[in-house]
């Protein structure tokens, strides 16, 4: 919340929509028209919003933009998921003798 405290309601909403898009697609497009489509607004409105929320994203080197904190959370979730899966396999092997 502190990172968005100075944003307007519209900027905060755009930021959240772009984070959601990044989570599902891996990055936010560099193309202004695509960002406008994601934000359901005109290109002019999207550009105005991007001037503020774009500061929260860095280029990914592949024609898109990523929020670094979101990517750290994605990594933590993947690590946790892998650990839970390994623990589940270990428990199943201990209980039922492991079947390949």
PDB file of N, CA and C in Angstrom:
ATOM      1  N   UNK A   1       0.818  -1.193   0.000  1.00  0.00           N
ATOM      2  CA  UNK A   1       0.000   0.000   0.000  1.00  0.00           C
ATOM      3  C   UNK A   1       0.864   1.260   0.000  1.00  0.00           C
ATOM      4  N   UNK A   2       1.971   1.228   0.699  1.00  0.00           N
ATOM      5  CA  UNK A   2       2.796   2.434   0.758  1.00  0.00           C
ATOM      6  C   UNK A   2       3.336   2.817  -0.614  1.00  0.00           C
ATOM      7  N   UNK A   3       3.599   1.819  -1.436  1.00  0.00           N
ATOM      8  CA  UNK A   3       4.135   2.093  -2.767  1.00  0.00           C
ATOM      9  C   UNK A   3       3.145   2.751  -3.709  1.00  0.00           C
ATOM     10  N   UNK A   4       1.864   2.740  -3.338  1.00  0.00           N
ATOM     11  CA  UNK A   4       0.842   3.355  -4.190  1.00  0.00           C
ATOM     12  C   UNK A   4       0.116   4.493  -3.472  1.00  0.00           C
ATOM     13  N   UNK A   5       0.591   4.883  -2.313  1.00  0.00           N
ATOM     14  CA  UNK A   5      -0.107   5.882  -1.487  1.00  0.00           C
ATOM     15  C   UNK A   5      -0.289   7.219  -2.188  1.00  0.00           C
ATOM     16  N   UNK A   6       0.640   7.602  -3.041  1.00  0.00           N
ATOM     17  CA  UNK A   6       0.532   8.897  -3.714  1.00  0.00           C
ATOM     18  C   UNK A   6      -0.152   8.806  -5.072  1.00  0.00           C
ATOM     19  N   UNK A   7      -0.585   7.610  -5.454  1.00  0.00           N
ATOM     20  CA  UNK A   7      -1.273   7.441  -6.734  1.00  0.00           C
ATOM     21  C   UNK A   7      -2.739   7.823  -6.597  1.00  0.00           C
ATOM     22  N   UNK A   8      -3.302   8.317  -7.694  1.00  0.00           N
ATOM     23  CA  UNK A   8      -4.741   8.564  -7.737  1.00  0.00           C
ATOM     24  C   UNK A   8      -5.459   7.214  -7.797  1.00  0.00           C
ATOM     25  N   UNK A   9      -6.752   7.241  -7.599  1.00  0.00           N
ATOM     26  CA  UNK A   9      -7.539   6.014  -7.676  1.00  0.00           C
ATOM     27  C   UNK A   9      -7.393   5.369  -9.056  1.00  0.00           C
ATOM     28  N   UNK A  10      -7.423   6.158 -10.109  1.00  0.00           N
ATOM     29  CA  UNK A  10      -7.283   5.635 -11.474  1.00  0.00           C
ATOM     30  C   UNK A  10      -5.905   5.022 -11.682  1.00  0.00           C
ATOM     31  N   UNK A  11      -4.870   5.677 -11.163  1.00  0.00           N
ATOM     32  CA  UNK A  11      -3.511   5.147 -11.298  1.00  0.00           C
ATOM     33  C   UNK A  11      -3.360   3.843 -10.535  1.00  0.00           C
ATOM     34  N   UNK A  12      -3.915   3.789  -9.331  1.00  0.00           N
ATOM     35  CA  UNK A  12      -3.844   2.571  -8.525  1.00  0.00           C
ATOM     36  C   UNK A  12      -4.582   1.432  -9.217  1.00  0.00           C
ATOM     37  N   UNK A  13      -5.740   1.716  -9.790  1.00  0.00           N
ATOM     38  CA  UNK A  13      -6.485   0.690 -10.512  1.00  0.00           C
ATOM     39  C   UNK A  13      -5.731   0.195 -11.727  1.00  0.00           C
ATOM     40  N   UNK A  14      -5.108   1.117 -12.466  1.00  0.00           N
ATOM     41  CA  UNK A  14      -4.315   0.730 -13.638  1.00  0.00           C
ATOM     42  C   UNK A  14      -3.149  -0.143 -13.217  1.00  0.00           C
ATOM     43  N   UNK A  15      -2.492   0.233 -12.145  1.00  0.00           N
ATOM     44  CA  UNK A  15      -1.357  -0.530 -11.626  1.00  0.00           C
ATOM     45  C   UNK A  15      -1.786  -1.963 -11.291  1.00  0.00           C
ATOM     46  N   UNK A  16      -2.897  -2.101 -10.594  1.00  0.00           N
ATOM     47  CA  UNK A  16      -3.369  -3.436 -10.229  1.00  0.00           C
ATOM     48  C   UNK A  16      -3.749  -4.258 -11.463  1.00  0.00           C
ATOM     49  N   UNK A  17      -4.423  -3.635 -12.430  1.00  0.00           N
ATOM     50  CA  UNK A  17      -4.772  -4.355 -13.661  1.00  0.00           C
ATOM     51  C   UNK A  17      -3.524  -4.828 -14.402  1.00  0.00           C
ATOM     52  N   UNK A  18      -2.501  -3.985 -14.432  1.00  0.00           N
ATOM     53  CA  UNK A  18      -1.262  -4.363 -15.121  1.00  0.00           C
ATOM     54  C   UNK A  18      -0.515  -5.458 -14.366  1.00  0.00           C
ATOM     55  N   UNK A  19      -0.555  -5.439 -13.035  1.00  0.00           N
ATOM     56  CA  UNK A  19       0.046  -6.528 -12.259  1.00  0.00           C
ATOM     57  C   UNK A  19      -0.675  -7.845 -12.532  1.00  0.00           C
ATOM     58  N   UNK A  20      -1.987  -7.799 -12.575  1.00  0.00           N
ATOM     59  CA  UNK A  20      -2.768  -9.002 -12.871  1.00  0.00           C
ATOM     60  C   UNK A  20      -2.415  -9.530 -14.259  1.00  0.00           C
ATOM     61  N   UNK A  21      -2.319  -8.608 -15.218  1.00  0.00           N
ATOM     62  CA  UNK A  21      -1.962  -9.021 -16.577  1.00  0.00           C
ATOM     63  C   UNK A  21      -0.579  -9.663 -16.597  1.00  0.00           C
ATOM     64  N   UNK A  22       0.376  -9.036 -15.895  1.00  0.00           N
ATOM     65  CA  UNK A  22       1.728  -9.591 -15.852  1.00  0.00           C
ATOM     66  C   UNK A  22       1.725 -10.984 -15.234  1.00  0.00           C
ATOM     67  N   UNK A  23       0.977 -11.176 -14.166  1.00  0.00           N
ATOM     68  CA  UNK A  23       0.943 -12.483 -13.513  1.00  0.00           C
ATOM     69  C   UNK A  23       0.470 -13.552 -14.495  1.00  0.00           C
ATOM     70  N   UNK A  24      -0.533 -13.233 -15.291  1.00  0.00           N
ATOM     71  CA  UNK A  24      -1.087 -14.204 -16.243  1.00  0.00           C
ATOM     72  C   UNK A  24      -0.251 -14.368 -17.505  1.00  0.00           C
ATOM     73  N   UNK A  25       0.392 -13.284 -17.964  1.00  0.00           N
ATOM     74  CA  UNK A  25       1.070 -13.312 -19.259  1.00  0.00           C
ATOM     75  C   UNK A  25       2.590 -13.185 -19.194  1.00  0.00           C
ATOM     76  N   UNK A  26       3.138 -12.934 -18.017  1.00  0.00           N
ATOM     77  CA  UNK A  26       4.588 -12.864 -17.871  1.00  0.00           C
ATOM     78  C   UNK A  26       5.171 -11.467 -17.945  1.00  0.00           C
ATOM     79  N   UNK A  27       4.504 -10.585 -18.672  1.00  0.00           N
ATOM     80  CA  UNK A  27       4.972  -9.202 -18.764  1.00  0.00           C
ATOM     81  C   UNK A  27       3.841  -8.324 -19.289  1.00  0.00           C
ATOM     82  N   UNK A  28       4.043  -7.033 -19.149  1.00  0.00           N
ATOM     83  CA  UNK A  28       3.117  -6.036 -19.675  1.00  0.00           C
ATOM     84  C   UNK A  28       3.671  -5.594 -21.022  1.00  0.00           C
ATOM     85  N   UNK A  29       2.836  -5.495 -22.051  1.00  0.00           N
ATOM     86  CA  UNK A  29       3.344  -5.117 -23.375  1.00  0.00           C
ATOM     87  C   UNK A  29       3.919  -3.696 -23.407  1.00  0.00           C
ATOM     88  N   UNK A  30       4.905  -3.519 -24.256  1.00  0.00           N
ATOM     89  CA  UNK A  30       5.512  -2.203 -24.456  1.00  0.00           C
ATOM     90  C   UNK A  30       4.613  -1.319 -25.318  1.00  0.00           C
ATOM     91  N   UNK A  31       3.737  -1.920 -26.082  1.00  0.00           N
ATOM     92  CA  UNK A  31       2.865  -1.200 -27.006  1.00  0.00           C
ATOM     93  C   UNK A  31       1.757  -0.455 -26.260  1.00  0.00           C
ATOM     94  N   UNK A  32       1.671   0.853 -26.476  1.00  0.00           N
ATOM     95  CA  UNK A  32       0.687   1.696 -25.779  1.00  0.00           C
ATOM     96  C   UNK A  32      -0.746   1.280 -26.093  1.00  0.00           C
ATOM     97  N   UNK A  33      -1.012   0.891 -27.320  1.00  0.00           N
ATOM     98  CA  UNK A  33      -2.371   0.477 -27.688  1.00  0.00           C
ATOM     99  C   UNK A  33      -2.769  -0.806 -26.956  1.00  0.00           C
ATOM    100  N   UNK A  34      -1.827  -1.711 -26.784  1.00  0.00           N
ATOM    101  CA  UNK A  34      -2.112  -2.940 -26.042  1.00  0.00           C
ATOM    102  C   UNK A  34      -2.375  -2.636 -24.571  1.00  0.00           C
ATOM    103  N   UNK A  35      -1.585  -1.735 -24.003  1.00  0.00           N
ATOM    104  CA  UNK A  35      -1.824  -1.354 -22.607  1.00  0.00           C
ATOM    105  C   UNK A  35      -3.192  -0.691 -22.467  1.00  0.00           C
ATOM    106  N   UNK A  36      -3.573   0.134 -23.431  1.00  0.00           N
ATOM    107  CA  UNK A  36      -4.894   0.778 -23.405  1.00  0.00           C
ATOM    108  C   UNK A  36      -5.997  -0.271 -23.445  1.00  0.00           C
ATOM    109  N   UNK A  37      -5.804  -1.297 -24.252  1.00  0.00           N
ATOM    110  CA  UNK A  37      -6.790  -2.379 -24.319  1.00  0.00           C
ATOM    111  C   UNK A  37      -6.894  -3.093 -22.976  1.00  0.00           C
ATOM    112  N   UNK A  38      -5.766  -3.362 -22.342  1.00  0.00           N
ATOM    113  CA  UNK A  38      -5.756  -4.017 -21.030  1.00  0.00           C
ATOM    114  C   UNK A  38      -6.478  -3.152 -20.000  1.00  0.00           C
ATOM    115  N   UNK A  39      -6.267  -1.839 -20.088  1.00  0.00           N
ATOM    116  CA  UNK A  39      -6.849  -0.908 -19.122  1.00  0.00           C
ATOM    117  C   UNK A  39      -8.255  -0.452 -19.503  1.00  0.00           C
ATOM    118  N   UNK A  40      -8.733  -0.875 -20.655  1.00  0.00           N
ATOM    119  CA  UNK A  40     -10.064  -0.493 -21.138  1.00  0.00           C
ATOM    120  C   UNK A  40     -10.243   1.017 -21.194  1.00  0.00           C
ATOM    121  N   UNK A  41      -9.272   1.674 -21.804  1.00  0.00           N
ATOM    122  CA  UNK A  41      -9.346   3.126 -21.938  1.00  0.00           C
ATOM    123  C   UNK A  41      -8.680   3.540 -23.248  1.00  0.00           C
ATOM    124  N   UNK A  42      -8.704   4.819 -23.527  1.00  0.00           N
ATOM    125  CA  UNK A  42      -8.071   5.318 -24.744  1.00  0.00           C
ATOM    126  C   UNK A  42      -6.546   5.252 -24.608  1.00  0.00           C
ATOM    127  N   UNK A  43      -5.874   5.315 -25.738  1.00  0.00           N
ATOM    128  CA  UNK A  43      -4.409   5.323 -25.719  1.00  0.00           C
ATOM    129  C   UNK A  43      -3.906   6.555 -24.969  1.00  0.00           C
ATOM    130  N   UNK A  44      -4.565   7.686 -25.170  1.00  0.00           N
ATOM    131  CA  UNK A  44      -4.160   8.913 -24.466  1.00  0.00           C
ATOM    132  C   UNK A  44      -4.293   8.741 -22.953  1.00  0.00           C
ATOM    133  N   UNK A  45      -5.385   8.139 -22.508  1.00  0.00           N
ATOM    134  CA  UNK A  45      -5.569   7.906 -21.071  1.00  0.00           C
ATOM    135  C   UNK A  45      -4.539   6.907 -20.541  1.00  0.00           C
ATOM    136  N   UNK A  46      -4.303   5.843 -21.314  1.00  0.00           N
ATOM    137  CA  UNK A  46      -3.324   4.834 -20.901  1.00  0.00           C
ATOM    138  C   UNK A  46      -1.927   5.439 -20.808  1.00  0.00           C
ATOM    139  N   UNK A  47      -1.580   6.295 -21.774  1.00  0.00           N
ATOM    140  CA  UNK A  47      -0.269   6.951 -21.727  1.00  0.00           C
ATOM    141  C   UNK A  47      -0.128   7.815 -20.486  1.00  0.00           C
ATOM    142  N   UNK A  48      -1.182   8.537 -20.137  1.00  0.00           N
ATOM    143  CA  UNK A  48      -1.149   9.392 -18.948  1.00  0.00           C
ATOM    144  C   UNK A  48      -0.964   8.533 -17.688  1.00  0.00           C
ATOM    145  N   UNK A  49      -1.682   7.439 -17.597  1.00  0.00           N
ATOM    146  CA  UNK A  49      -1.549   6.537 -16.455  1.00  0.00           C
ATOM    147  C   UNK A  49      -0.166   5.884 -16.422  1.00  0.00           C
ATOM    148  N   UNK A  50       0.331   5.500 -17.600  1.00  0.00           N
ATOM    149  CA  UNK A  50       1.625   4.814 -17.683  1.00  0.00           C
ATOM    150  C   UNK A  50       2.769   5.718 -17.216  1.00  0.00           C
ATOM    151  N   UNK A  51       2.638   7.026 -17.417  1.00  0.00           N
ATOM    152  CA  UNK A  51       3.691   7.947 -16.958  1.00  0.00           C
ATOM    153  C   UNK A  51       3.914   7.808 -15.454  1.00  0.00           C
ATOM    154  N   UNK A  52       2.875   7.451 -14.719  1.00  0.00           N
ATOM    155  CA  UNK A  52       3.002   7.264 -13.267  1.00  0.00           C
ATOM    156  C   UNK A  52       3.285   5.803 -12.926  1.00  0.00           C
ATOM    157  N   UNK A  53       2.417   4.891 -13.367  1.00  0.00           N
ATOM    158  CA  UNK A  53       2.558   3.490 -12.959  1.00  0.00           C
ATOM    159  C   UNK A  53       3.722   2.802 -13.652  1.00  0.00           C
ATOM    160  N   UNK A  54       4.134   3.301 -14.776  1.00  0.00           N
ATOM    161  CA  UNK A  54       5.270   2.712 -15.482  1.00  0.00           C
ATOM    162  C   UNK A  54       6.554   2.747 -14.679  1.00  0.00           C
ATOM    163  N   UNK A  55       6.627   3.632 -13.698  1.00  0.00           N
ATOM    164  CA  UNK A  55       7.810   3.706 -12.825  1.00  0.00           C
ATOM    165  C   UNK A  55       7.962   2.450 -11.976  1.00  0.00           C
ATOM    166  N   UNK A  56       6.892   1.701 -11.838  1.00  0.00           N
ATOM    167  CA  UNK A  56       6.906   0.478 -11.029  1.00  0.00           C
ATOM    168  C   UNK A  56       7.329  -0.748 -11.845  1.00  0.00           C
ATOM    169  N   UNK A  57       7.636  -0.555 -13.121  1.00  0.00           N
ATOM    170  CA  UNK A  57       7.994  -1.654 -14.015  1.00  0.00           C
ATOM    171  C   UNK A  57       9.361  -1.383 -14.647  1.00  0.00           C
ATOM    172  N   UNK A  58      10.059  -2.456 -14.959  1.00  0.00           N
ATOM    173  CA  UNK A  58      11.331  -2.361 -15.668  1.00  0.00           C
ATOM    174  C   UNK A  58      11.237  -3.202 -16.939  1.00  0.00           C
ATOM    175  N   UNK A  59      11.969  -2.773 -17.947  1.00  0.00           N
ATOM    176  CA  UNK A  59      11.952  -3.538 -19.193  1.00  0.00           C
ATOM    177  C   UNK A  59      12.479  -4.946 -18.940  1.00  0.00           C
ATOM    178  N   UNK A  60      11.876  -5.915 -19.597  1.00  0.00           N
ATOM    179  CA  UNK A  60      12.304  -7.305 -19.415  1.00  0.00           C
ATOM    180  C   UNK A  60      13.307  -7.740 -20.475  1.00  0.00           C
ATOM    181  N   UNK A  61      13.641  -6.840 -21.391  1.00  0.00           N
ATOM    182  CA  UNK A  61      14.596  -7.174 -22.443  1.00  0.00           C
ATOM    183  C   UNK A  61      13.993  -7.949 -23.596  1.00  0.00           C
ATOM    184  N   UNK A  62      12.705  -8.248 -23.524  1.00  0.00           N
ATOM    185  CA  UNK A  62      12.025  -9.015 -24.574  1.00  0.00           C
ATOM    186  C   UNK A  62      10.820  -8.277 -25.128  1.00  0.00           C
ATOM    187  N   UNK A  63      10.832  -6.961 -25.025  1.00  0.00           N
ATOM    188  CA  UNK A  63       9.727  -6.176 -25.545  1.00  0.00           C
ATOM    189  C   UNK A  63       8.567  -6.021 -24.584  1.00  0.00           C
ATOM    190  N   UNK A  64       8.805  -6.254 -23.312  1.00  0.00           N
ATOM    191  CA  UNK A  64       7.762  -6.108 -22.320  1.00  0.00           C
ATOM    192  C   UNK A  64       8.285  -5.446 -21.064  1.00  0.00           C
ATOM    193  N   UNK A  65       7.406  -5.320 -20.083  1.00  0.00           N
ATOM    194  CA  UNK A  65       7.734  -4.679 -18.812  1.00  0.00           C
ATOM    195  C   UNK A  65       7.320  -5.596 -17.682  1.00  0.00           C
ATOM    196  N   UNK A  66       8.142  -5.640 -16.630  1.00  0.00           N
ATOM    197  CA  UNK A  66       7.832  -6.465 -15.476  1.00  0.00           C
ATOM    198  C   UNK A  66       8.007  -5.674 -14.186  1.00  0.00           C
ATOM    199  N   UNK A  67       7.159  -6.003 -13.222  1.00  0.00           N
ATOM    200  CA  UNK A  67       7.299  -5.472 -11.881  1.00  0.00           C
ATOM    201  C   UNK A  67       8.182  -6.456 -11.116  1.00  0.00           C
ATOM    202  N   UNK A  68       9.311  -5.985 -10.600  1.00  0.00           N
ATOM    203  CA  UNK A  68      10.284  -6.866  -9.951  1.00  0.00           C
ATOM    204  C   UNK A  68       9.709  -7.551  -8.716  1.00  0.00           C
ATOM    205  N   UNK A  69       8.911  -6.834  -7.942  1.00  0.00           N
ATOM    206  CA  UNK A  69       8.347  -7.439  -6.728  1.00  0.00           C
ATOM    207  C   UNK A  69       7.404  -8.583  -7.082  1.00  0.00           C
ATOM    208  N   UNK A  70       6.597  -8.407  -8.112  1.00  0.00           N
ATOM    209  CA  UNK A  70       5.704  -9.480  -8.531  1.00  0.00           C
ATOM    210  C   UNK A  70       6.511 -10.708  -8.936  1.00  0.00           C
ATOM    211  N   UNK A  71       7.615 -10.503  -9.645  1.00  0.00           N
ATOM    212  CA  UNK A  71       8.440 -11.637 -10.075  1.00  0.00           C
ATOM    213  C   UNK A  71       9.097 -12.325  -8.884  1.00  0.00           C
ATOM    214  N   UNK A  72       9.468 -11.561  -7.842  1.00  0.00           N
ATOM    215  CA  UNK A  72       9.998 -12.195  -6.629  1.00  0.00           C
ATOM    216  C   UNK A  72       8.913 -13.045  -5.966  1.00  0.00           C
ATOM    217  N   UNK A  73       7.680 -12.547  -5.941  1.00  0.00           N
ATOM    218  CA  UNK A  73       6.572 -13.320  -5.376  1.00  0.00           C
ATOM    219  C   UNK A  73       6.302 -14.580  -6.192  1.00  0.00           C
ATOM    220  N   UNK A  74       6.414 -14.465  -7.510  1.00  0.00           N
ATOM    221  CA  UNK A  74       6.215 -15.632  -8.386  1.00  0.00           C
ATOM    222  C   UNK A  74       7.266 -16.707  -8.069  1.00  0.00           C
ATOM    223  N   UNK A  75       8.503 -16.273  -7.896  1.00  0.00           N
ATOM    224  CA  UNK A  75       9.585 -17.202  -7.566  1.00  0.00           C
ATOM    225  C   UNK A  75       9.330 -17.866  -6.220  1.00  0.00           C
ATOM    226  N   UNK A  76       8.905 -17.085  -5.225  1.00  0.00           N
ATOM    227  CA  UNK A  76       8.601 -17.655  -3.906  1.00  0.00           C
ATOM    228  C   UNK A  76       7.470 -18.671  -3.993  1.00  0.00           C
ATOM    229  N   UNK A  77       6.436 -18.359  -4.775  1.00  0.00           N
ATOM    230  CA  UNK A  77       5.311 -19.284  -4.929  1.00  0.00           C
ATOM    231  C   UNK A  77       5.749 -20.575  -5.618  1.00  0.00           C
ATOM    232  N   UNK A  78       6.575 -20.455  -6.644  1.00  0.00           N
ATOM    233  CA  UNK A  78       7.069 -21.645  -7.346  1.00  0.00           C
ATOM    234  C   UNK A  78       7.921 -22.504  -6.425  1.00  0.00           C
ATOM    235  N   UNK A  79       8.778 -21.867  -5.632  1.00  0.00           N
ATOM    236  CA  UNK A  79       9.624 -22.597  -4.685  1.00  0.00           C
ATOM    237  C   UNK A  79       8.766 -23.309  -3.654  1.00  0.00           C
ATOM    238  N   UNK A  80       7.770 -22.613  -3.129  1.00  0.00           N
ATOM    239  CA  UNK A  80       6.860 -23.212  -2.139  1.00  0.00           C
ATOM    240  C   UNK A  80       6.088 -24.375  -2.744  1.00  0.00           C
ATOM    241  N   UNK A  81       5.586 -24.197  -3.960  1.00  0.00           N
ATOM    242  CA  UNK A  81       4.830 -25.255  -4.634  1.00  0.00           C
ATOM    243  C   UNK A  81       5.702 -26.495  -4.836  1.00  0.00           C
ATOM    244  N   UNK A  82       6.952 -26.283  -5.259  1.00  0.00           N
ATOM    245  CA  UNK A  82       7.867 -27.408  -5.469  1.00  0.00           C
ATOM    246  C   UNK A  82       8.167 -28.128  -4.160  1.00  0.00           C
ATOM    247  N   UNK A  83       8.358 -27.359  -3.069  1.00  0.00           N
ATOM    248  CA  UNK A  83       8.634 -27.963  -1.759  1.00  0.00           C
ATOM    249  C   UNK A  83       7.439 -28.773  -1.273  1.00  0.00           C
ATOM    250  N   UNK A  84       6.237 -28.247  -1.432  1.00  0.00           N
ATOM    251  CA  UNK A  84       5.035 -28.977  -1.023  1.00  0.00           C
ATOM    252  C   UNK A  84       4.857 -30.253  -1.845  1.00  0.00           C
ATOM    253  N   UNK A  85       5.148 -30.161  -3.123  1.00  0.00           N
ATOM    254  CA  UNK A  85       5.022 -31.328  -3.980  1.00  0.00           C
ATOM    255  C   UNK A  85       6.030 -32.406  -3.580  1.00  0.00           C
ATOM    256  N   UNK A  86       7.266 -32.001  -3.313  1.00  0.00           N
ATOM    257  CA  UNK A  86       8.301 -32.959  -2.899  1.00  0.00           C
ATOM    258  C   UNK A  86       7.932 -33.595  -1.565  1.00  0.00           C
ATOM    259  N   UNK A  87       7.401 -32.800  -0.653  1.00  0.00           N
ATOM    260  CA  UNK A  87       6.983 -33.312   0.650  1.00  0.00           C
ATOM    261  C   UNK A  87       5.842 -34.312   0.485  1.00  0.00           C
ATOM    262  N   UNK A  88       4.908 -33.998  -0.396  1.00  0.00           N
ATOM    263  CA  UNK A  88       3.799 -34.910  -0.654  1.00  0.00           C
ATOM    264  C   UNK A  88       4.268 -36.227  -1.241  1.00  0.00           C
ATOM    265  N   UNK A  89       5.213 -36.155  -2.185  1.00  0.00           N
ATOM    266  CA  UNK A  89       5.767 -37.385  -2.771  1.00  0.00           C
ATOM    267  C   UNK A  89       6.489 -38.212  -1.709  1.00  0.00           C
ATOM    268  N   UNK A  90       7.249 -37.530  -0.854  1.00  0.00           N
ATOM    269  CA  UNK A  90       7.988 -38.216   0.207  1.00  0.00           C
ATOM    270  C   UNK A  90       7.018 -38.911   1.164  1.00  0.00           C
ATOM    271  N   UNK A  91       5.945 -38.219   1.537  1.00  0.00           N
ATOM    272  CA  UNK A  91       4.941 -38.813   2.419  1.00  0.00           C
ATOM    273  C   UNK A  91       4.248 -40.002   1.771  1.00  0.00           C
ATOM    274  N   UNK A  92       3.935 -39.877   0.495  1.00  0.00           N
ATOM    275  CA  UNK A  92       3.264 -40.985  -0.212  1.00  0.00           C
ATOM    276  C   UNK A  92       4.205 -42.182  -0.333  1.00  0.00           C
ATOM    277  N   UNK A  93       5.480 -41.914  -0.617  1.00  0.00           N
ATOM    278  CA  UNK A  93       6.451 -43.014  -0.708  1.00  0.00           C
ATOM    279  C   UNK A  93       6.592 -43.721   0.624  1.00  0.00           C
ATOM    280  N   UNK A  94       6.619 -42.940   1.714  1.00  0.00           N
ATOM    281  CA  UNK A  94       6.751 -43.543   3.043  1.00  0.00           C
ATOM    282  C   UNK A  94       5.520 -44.375   3.387  1.00  0.00           C
ATOM    283  N   UNK A  95       4.379 -43.901   2.972  1.00  0.00           N
ATOM    284  CA  UNK A  95       3.128 -44.598   3.335  1.00  0.00           C
ATOM    285  C   UNK A  95       2.869 -45.804   2.435  1.00  0.00           C
ATOM    286  N   UNK A  96       3.094 -45.660   1.144  1.00  0.00           N
ATOM    287  CA  UNK A  96       2.706 -46.719   0.202  1.00  0.00           C
ATOM    288  C   UNK A  96       3.891 -47.351  -0.534  1.00  0.00           C
ATOM    289  N   UNK A  97       5.081 -46.997  -0.166  1.00  0.00           N
ATOM    290  CA  UNK A  97       6.241 -47.661  -0.724  1.00  0.00           C
ATOM    291  C   UNK A  97       6.662 -47.165  -2.096  1.00  0.00           C
ATOM    292  N   UNK A  98       6.162 -46.052  -2.549  1.00  0.00           N
ATOM    293  CA  UNK A  98       6.589 -45.431  -3.792  1.00  0.00           C
ATOM    294  C   UNK A  98       6.422 -46.308  -5.015  1.00  0.00           C
ATOM    295  N   UNK A  99       5.644 -45.855  -5.939  1.00  0.00           N
ATOM    296  CA  UNK A  99       5.416 -46.566  -7.205  1.00  0.00           C
ATOM    297  C   UNK A  99       5.848 -45.669  -8.338  1.00  0.00           C
ATOM    298  N   UNK A 100       6.701 -46.167  -9.203  1.00  0.00           N
ATOM    299  CA  UNK A 100       7.170 -45.370 -10.355  1.00  0.00           C
ATOM    300  C   UNK A 100       6.306 -45.583 -11.542  1.00  0.00           C
TER     301      UNK A 100
END
